[in-house]
Amino acid sequence: MIEKTSTLQKVIEAVEALDIDAQILLIDIITKRLNQQRRDELLKEVAQAQHDYEQGSVRRGSVEDLMAELED
């Protein structure tokens, strides 16, 4: 944990050493990469859900069906 904190602190200090325009550019790059990672994760989840559905391991029903199943 201490090593991670130390590494993070070094990164923060390196970013603070950049001029404002470079910091803004860095934020933009990181934001775009994080958004792409989220899209990639979502695509994996959708693919897994489709696979589960095709394998028959997903059930369909109404809210009432779910509630009735939970009560059993």
N, C-alpha and C. Protein backbone atom coordinates (compact mmCIF):
# COMPACT_ATOMS: atom_id res chain seq x y z
N MET A 1 0.83 -1.20 0.00
CA MET A 1 0.00 0.00 0.00
C MET A 1 0.86 1.25 0.00
N ILE A 2 1.93 1.22 0.82
CA ILE A 2 2.82 2.37 0.88
C ILE A 2 3.49 2.60 -0.48
N GLU A 3 3.86 1.50 -1.15
CA GLU A 3 4.50 1.62 -2.46
C GLU A 3 3.55 2.24 -3.47
N LYS A 4 2.28 1.84 -3.44
CA LYS A 4 1.30 2.42 -4.35
C LYS A 4 1.12 3.91 -4.07
N THR A 5 1.05 4.27 -2.80
CA THR A 5 0.90 5.68 -2.43
C THR A 5 2.11 6.47 -2.92
N SER A 6 3.28 5.91 -2.74
CA SER A 6 4.50 6.57 -3.17
C SER A 6 4.51 6.76 -4.69
N THR A 7 4.12 5.73 -5.42
CA THR A 7 4.07 5.81 -6.88
C THR A 7 3.05 6.84 -7.32
N LEU A 8 1.89 6.82 -6.70
CA LEU A 8 0.85 7.79 -7.03
C LEU A 8 1.33 9.21 -6.74
N GLN A 9 1.98 9.39 -5.62
CA GLN A 9 2.50 10.72 -5.27
C GLN A 9 3.51 11.19 -6.31
N LYS A 10 4.36 10.27 -6.79
CA LYS A 10 5.34 10.63 -7.81
C LYS A 10 4.65 11.05 -9.10
N VAL A 11 3.59 10.33 -9.46
CA VAL A 11 2.84 10.67 -10.67
C VAL A 11 2.20 12.04 -10.53
N ILE A 12 1.61 12.30 -9.37
CA ILE A 12 0.98 13.60 -9.14
C ILE A 12 2.02 14.72 -9.24
N GLU A 13 3.16 14.51 -8.66
CA GLU A 13 4.21 15.51 -8.72
C GLU A 13 4.69 15.73 -10.16
N ALA A 14 4.79 14.64 -10.93
CA ALA A 14 5.21 14.77 -12.32
C ALA A 14 4.18 15.54 -13.13
N VAL A 15 2.90 15.28 -12.87
CA VAL A 15 1.83 15.99 -13.58
C VAL A 15 1.84 17.46 -13.19
N GLU A 16 2.03 17.75 -11.92
CA GLU A 16 2.06 19.14 -11.47
C GLU A 16 3.25 19.90 -12.07
N ALA A 17 4.29 19.19 -12.45
CA ALA A 17 5.46 19.83 -13.05
C ALA A 17 5.19 20.25 -14.50
N LEU A 18 4.16 19.67 -15.10
CA LEU A 18 3.80 20.02 -16.48
C LEU A 18 3.15 21.39 -16.52
N ASP A 19 3.24 22.05 -17.69
CA ASP A 19 2.50 23.30 -17.82
C ASP A 19 1.01 23.00 -17.94
N ILE A 20 0.20 24.01 -17.78
CA ILE A 20 -1.26 23.84 -17.76
C ILE A 20 -1.77 23.16 -19.03
N ASP A 21 -1.28 23.59 -20.20
CA ASP A 21 -1.75 22.98 -21.45
C ASP A 21 -1.45 21.49 -21.50
N ALA A 22 -0.28 21.10 -21.03
CA ALA A 22 0.08 19.68 -21.01
C ALA A 22 -0.80 18.93 -20.02
N GLN A 23 -1.12 19.54 -18.88
CA GLN A 23 -2.00 18.89 -17.90
C GLN A 23 -3.39 18.69 -18.49
N ILE A 24 -3.89 19.69 -19.20
CA ILE A 24 -5.21 19.58 -19.83
C ILE A 24 -5.20 18.47 -20.88
N LEU A 25 -4.14 18.42 -21.68
CA LEU A 25 -4.01 17.37 -22.68
C LEU A 25 -3.96 15.99 -22.03
N LEU A 26 -3.22 15.86 -20.95
CA LEU A 26 -3.13 14.60 -20.22
C LEU A 26 -4.49 14.17 -19.69
N ILE A 27 -5.23 15.10 -19.12
CA ILE A 27 -6.57 14.78 -18.62
C ILE A 27 -7.46 14.29 -19.77
N ASP A 28 -7.37 14.95 -20.91
CA ASP A 28 -8.17 14.55 -22.07
C ASP A 28 -7.80 13.13 -22.51
N ILE A 29 -6.51 12.84 -22.59
CA ILE A 29 -6.05 11.52 -23.00
C ILE A 29 -6.52 10.45 -22.02
N ILE A 30 -6.35 10.71 -20.74
CA ILE A 30 -6.75 9.73 -19.72
C ILE A 30 -8.25 9.51 -19.74
N THR A 31 -9.01 10.58 -19.88
CA THR A 31 -10.46 10.47 -19.94
C THR A 31 -10.89 9.61 -21.12
N LYS A 32 -10.29 9.85 -22.28
CA LYS A 32 -10.65 9.06 -23.47
C LYS A 32 -10.28 7.59 -23.29
N ARG A 33 -9.14 7.34 -22.69
CA ARG A 33 -8.73 5.95 -22.47
C ARG A 33 -9.64 5.25 -21.46
N LEU A 34 -10.02 5.96 -20.41
CA LEU A 34 -10.95 5.37 -19.44
C LEU A 34 -12.30 5.07 -20.07
N ASN A 35 -12.78 5.99 -20.90
CA ASN A 35 -14.04 5.77 -21.59
C ASN A 35 -13.96 4.55 -22.51
N GLN A 36 -12.82 4.39 -23.20
CA GLN A 36 -12.64 3.23 -24.08
C GLN A 36 -12.61 1.95 -23.26
N GLN A 37 -11.94 1.98 -22.11
CA GLN A 37 -11.91 0.80 -21.24
C GLN A 37 -13.31 0.43 -20.78
N ARG A 38 -14.12 1.44 -20.43
CA ARG A 38 -15.51 1.17 -20.02
C ARG A 38 -16.30 0.55 -21.17
N ARG A 39 -16.12 1.10 -22.38
CA ARG A 39 -16.82 0.53 -23.55
C ARG A 39 -16.40 -0.92 -23.77
N ASP A 40 -15.09 -1.18 -23.67
CA ASP A 40 -14.59 -2.55 -23.86
C ASP A 40 -15.18 -3.50 -22.82
N GLU A 41 -15.25 -3.05 -21.57
CA GLU A 41 -15.82 -3.89 -20.52
C GLU A 41 -17.30 -4.15 -20.77
N LEU A 42 -18.01 -3.11 -21.19
CA LEU A 42 -19.43 -3.27 -21.49
C LEU A 42 -19.64 -4.25 -22.63
N LEU A 43 -18.81 -4.15 -23.66
CA LEU A 43 -18.93 -5.09 -24.78
C LEU A 43 -18.69 -6.53 -24.33
N LYS A 44 -17.73 -6.73 -23.43
CA LYS A 44 -17.49 -8.07 -22.89
C LYS A 44 -18.70 -8.57 -22.11
N GLU A 45 -19.29 -7.68 -21.31
CA GLU A 45 -20.46 -8.07 -20.52
C GLU A 45 -21.64 -8.41 -21.42
N VAL A 46 -21.83 -7.64 -22.47
CA VAL A 46 -22.92 -7.92 -23.42
C VAL A 46 -22.68 -9.25 -24.11
N ALA A 47 -21.43 -9.49 -24.54
CA ALA A 47 -21.11 -10.76 -25.20
C ALA A 47 -21.34 -11.92 -24.24
N GLN A 48 -20.97 -11.77 -22.98
CA GLN A 48 -21.19 -12.83 -21.99
C GLN A 48 -22.68 -13.05 -21.77
N ALA A 49 -23.44 -11.97 -21.70
CA ALA A 49 -24.89 -12.10 -21.51
C ALA A 49 -25.53 -12.80 -22.70
N GLN A 50 -25.08 -12.47 -23.91
CA GLN A 50 -25.61 -13.14 -25.10
C GLN A 50 -25.25 -14.63 -25.07
N HIS A 51 -24.04 -14.93 -24.69
CA HIS A 51 -23.60 -16.32 -24.60
C HIS A 51 -24.45 -17.08 -23.57
N ASP A 52 -24.62 -16.47 -22.40
CA ASP A 52 -25.43 -17.10 -21.35
C ASP A 52 -26.86 -17.33 -21.82
N TYR A 53 -27.41 -16.37 -22.55
CA TYR A 53 -28.77 -16.50 -23.06
C TYR A 53 -28.85 -17.65 -24.06
N GLU A 54 -27.87 -17.71 -24.97
CA GLU A 54 -27.86 -18.78 -25.97
C GLU A 54 -27.68 -20.15 -25.33
N GLN A 55 -26.97 -20.21 -24.21
CA GLN A 55 -26.76 -21.47 -23.51
C GLN A 55 -27.95 -21.84 -22.63
N GLY A 56 -28.91 -20.95 -22.51
CA GLY A 56 -30.09 -21.21 -21.71
C GLY A 56 -29.88 -21.01 -20.22
N SER A 57 -28.83 -20.32 -19.85
CA SER A 57 -28.59 -20.12 -18.42
C SER A 57 -29.14 -18.79 -17.91
N VAL A 58 -29.99 -18.15 -18.72
CA VAL A 58 -30.64 -16.91 -18.33
C VAL A 58 -32.15 -17.15 -18.38
N ARG A 59 -32.81 -16.69 -17.34
CA ARG A 59 -34.26 -16.86 -17.31
C ARG A 59 -34.94 -15.54 -17.63
N ARG A 60 -36.11 -15.66 -18.22
CA ARG A 60 -36.91 -14.48 -18.53
C ARG A 60 -38.21 -14.53 -17.74
N GLY A 61 -38.75 -13.37 -17.47
CA GLY A 61 -40.02 -13.31 -16.77
C GLY A 61 -40.33 -11.91 -16.33
N SER A 62 -41.47 -11.77 -15.71
CA SER A 62 -41.90 -10.47 -15.21
C SER A 62 -41.35 -10.23 -13.81
N VAL A 63 -41.56 -9.04 -13.32
CA VAL A 63 -41.16 -8.72 -11.95
C VAL A 63 -41.91 -9.62 -10.98
N GLU A 64 -43.17 -9.88 -11.29
CA GLU A 64 -43.96 -10.75 -10.43
C GLU A 64 -43.37 -12.16 -10.39
N ASP A 65 -42.90 -12.65 -11.55
CA ASP A 65 -42.24 -13.97 -11.60
C ASP A 65 -41.01 -13.98 -10.72
N LEU A 66 -40.22 -12.94 -10.80
CA LEU A 66 -39.00 -12.85 -9.99
C LEU A 66 -39.34 -12.83 -8.51
N MET A 67 -40.31 -12.02 -8.14
CA MET A 67 -40.68 -11.92 -6.74
C MET A 67 -41.21 -13.25 -6.22
N ALA A 68 -42.00 -13.94 -7.03
CA ALA A 68 -42.54 -15.24 -6.63
C ALA A 68 -41.39 -16.25 -6.46
N GLU A 69 -40.42 -16.21 -7.33
CA GLU A 69 -39.28 -17.12 -7.22
C GLU A 69 -38.46 -16.80 -5.98
N LEU A 70 -38.28 -15.54 -5.67
CA LEU A 70 -37.51 -15.16 -4.49
C LEU A 70 -38.21 -15.58 -3.19
N GLU A 71 -39.54 -15.61 -3.22
CA GLU A 71 -40.30 -15.99 -2.03
C GLU A 71 -40.26 -17.50 -1.80
N ASP A 72 -40.02 -18.26 -2.85
CA ASP A 72 -39.99 -19.74 -2.71
C ASP A 72 -38.75 -20.23 -2.04
